[in-house]
Amino acid sequence: MDAVLGPVLEAAGVQPVLAGLPPGVQAARRGPYLLLLNHVAEFREVRLPSPMVNVVSGAAVASADLGPFGTAILRA
């Protein structure tokens, strides 16, 4: 799918919410929040472009650790 849509999206100037995501991870922005969703049954680590706050734990993080089918809610 990326091979077909990649050039079309690039030509249209469409940019990902967060570049360089591991396979199976989706990122979405909702207002000030960045939502990360792991769609696979394996652990995934997502490096963030700048430190963010994990809304659930309140901790400042430079990366998000997503367990199998895990999620993270982050705020700048």
Protein backbone atom coordinates (compact mmCIF):
# COMPACT_ATOMS: atom_id res chain seq x y z
CA MET A 1 0.00 0.00 0.00
CA ASP A 2 2.83 2.40 0.86
CA ALA A 3 4.44 1.73 -2.51
CA VAL A 4 1.27 2.85 -4.28
CA LEU A 5 0.13 5.71 -2.07
CA GLY A 6 3.53 6.98 -0.91
CA PRO A 7 4.38 8.90 -4.10
CA VAL A 8 0.84 10.30 -4.38
CA LEU A 9 0.84 11.55 -0.78
CA GLU A 10 4.31 13.04 -1.20
CA ALA A 11 3.31 14.84 -4.39
CA ALA A 12 0.26 16.26 -2.57
CA GLY A 13 2.44 17.51 0.31
CA VAL A 14 0.80 15.26 2.91
CA GLN A 15 3.03 14.80 5.96
CA PRO A 16 2.70 12.11 8.65
CA VAL A 17 1.65 13.12 12.16
CA LEU A 18 4.92 11.62 13.44
CA ALA A 19 7.61 10.45 11.04
CA GLY A 20 9.57 7.24 11.49
CA LEU A 21 6.99 5.18 13.36
CA PRO A 22 7.72 1.48 13.82
CA PRO A 23 5.60 -0.92 11.77
CA GLY A 24 2.13 -1.39 13.22
CA VAL A 25 2.07 1.91 15.15
CA GLN A 26 -0.41 4.68 14.35
CA ALA A 27 -0.19 8.31 15.52
CA ALA A 28 -3.06 10.80 15.63
CA ARG A 29 -3.35 14.35 16.92
CA ARG A 30 -6.43 15.49 18.81
CA GLY A 31 -6.03 19.09 19.93
CA PRO A 32 -2.96 19.28 22.19
CA TYR A 33 -2.74 15.49 22.49
CA LEU A 34 -0.71 12.94 20.55
CA LEU A 35 -2.28 9.48 20.58
CA LEU A 36 -0.13 6.45 19.82
CA LEU A 37 -1.72 3.09 19.07
CA ASN A 38 0.16 -0.18 18.70
CA HIS A 39 -1.80 -2.49 16.40
CA VAL A 40 0.54 -5.49 16.73
CA ALA A 41 1.14 -8.15 19.39
CA GLU A 42 4.75 -7.03 19.94
CA PHE A 43 6.40 -4.36 22.09
CA ARG A 44 7.15 -1.10 20.25
CA GLU A 45 9.21 1.94 21.26
CA VAL A 46 8.44 5.31 19.66
CA ARG A 47 11.13 7.99 19.93
CA LEU A 48 9.60 11.44 20.20
CA PRO A 49 10.98 14.51 18.40
CA SER A 50 10.89 16.45 21.70
CA PRO A 51 10.02 15.59 25.31
CA MET A 52 6.32 15.23 26.04
CA VAL A 53 4.21 14.45 29.10
CA ASN A 54 2.53 11.07 29.42
CA VAL A 55 -1.01 12.10 30.40
CA VAL A 56 -1.69 8.89 32.33
CA SER A 57 1.47 8.85 34.47
CA GLY A 58 2.30 12.57 34.44
CA ALA A 59 5.93 11.73 33.63
CA ALA A 60 8.01 13.65 31.10
CA VAL A 61 9.17 11.21 28.42
CA ALA A 62 11.53 11.25 25.43
CA SER A 63 10.05 8.03 24.05
CA ALA A 64 6.85 6.05 24.44
CA ASP A 65 6.95 2.36 25.28
CA LEU A 66 3.93 0.59 23.83
CA GLY A 67 3.10 -2.91 24.93
CA PRO A 68 1.31 -5.35 22.64
CA PHE A 69 -1.83 -3.58 21.39
CA GLY A 70 -0.92 -0.74 23.77
CA THR A 71 -1.66 2.96 23.65
CA ALA A 72 -0.14 6.19 24.90
CA ILE A 73 -1.66 9.64 25.34
CA LEU A 74 0.93 12.40 25.30
CA ARG A 75 0.87 16.20 25.59
CA ALA A 76 3.57 18.70 24.60
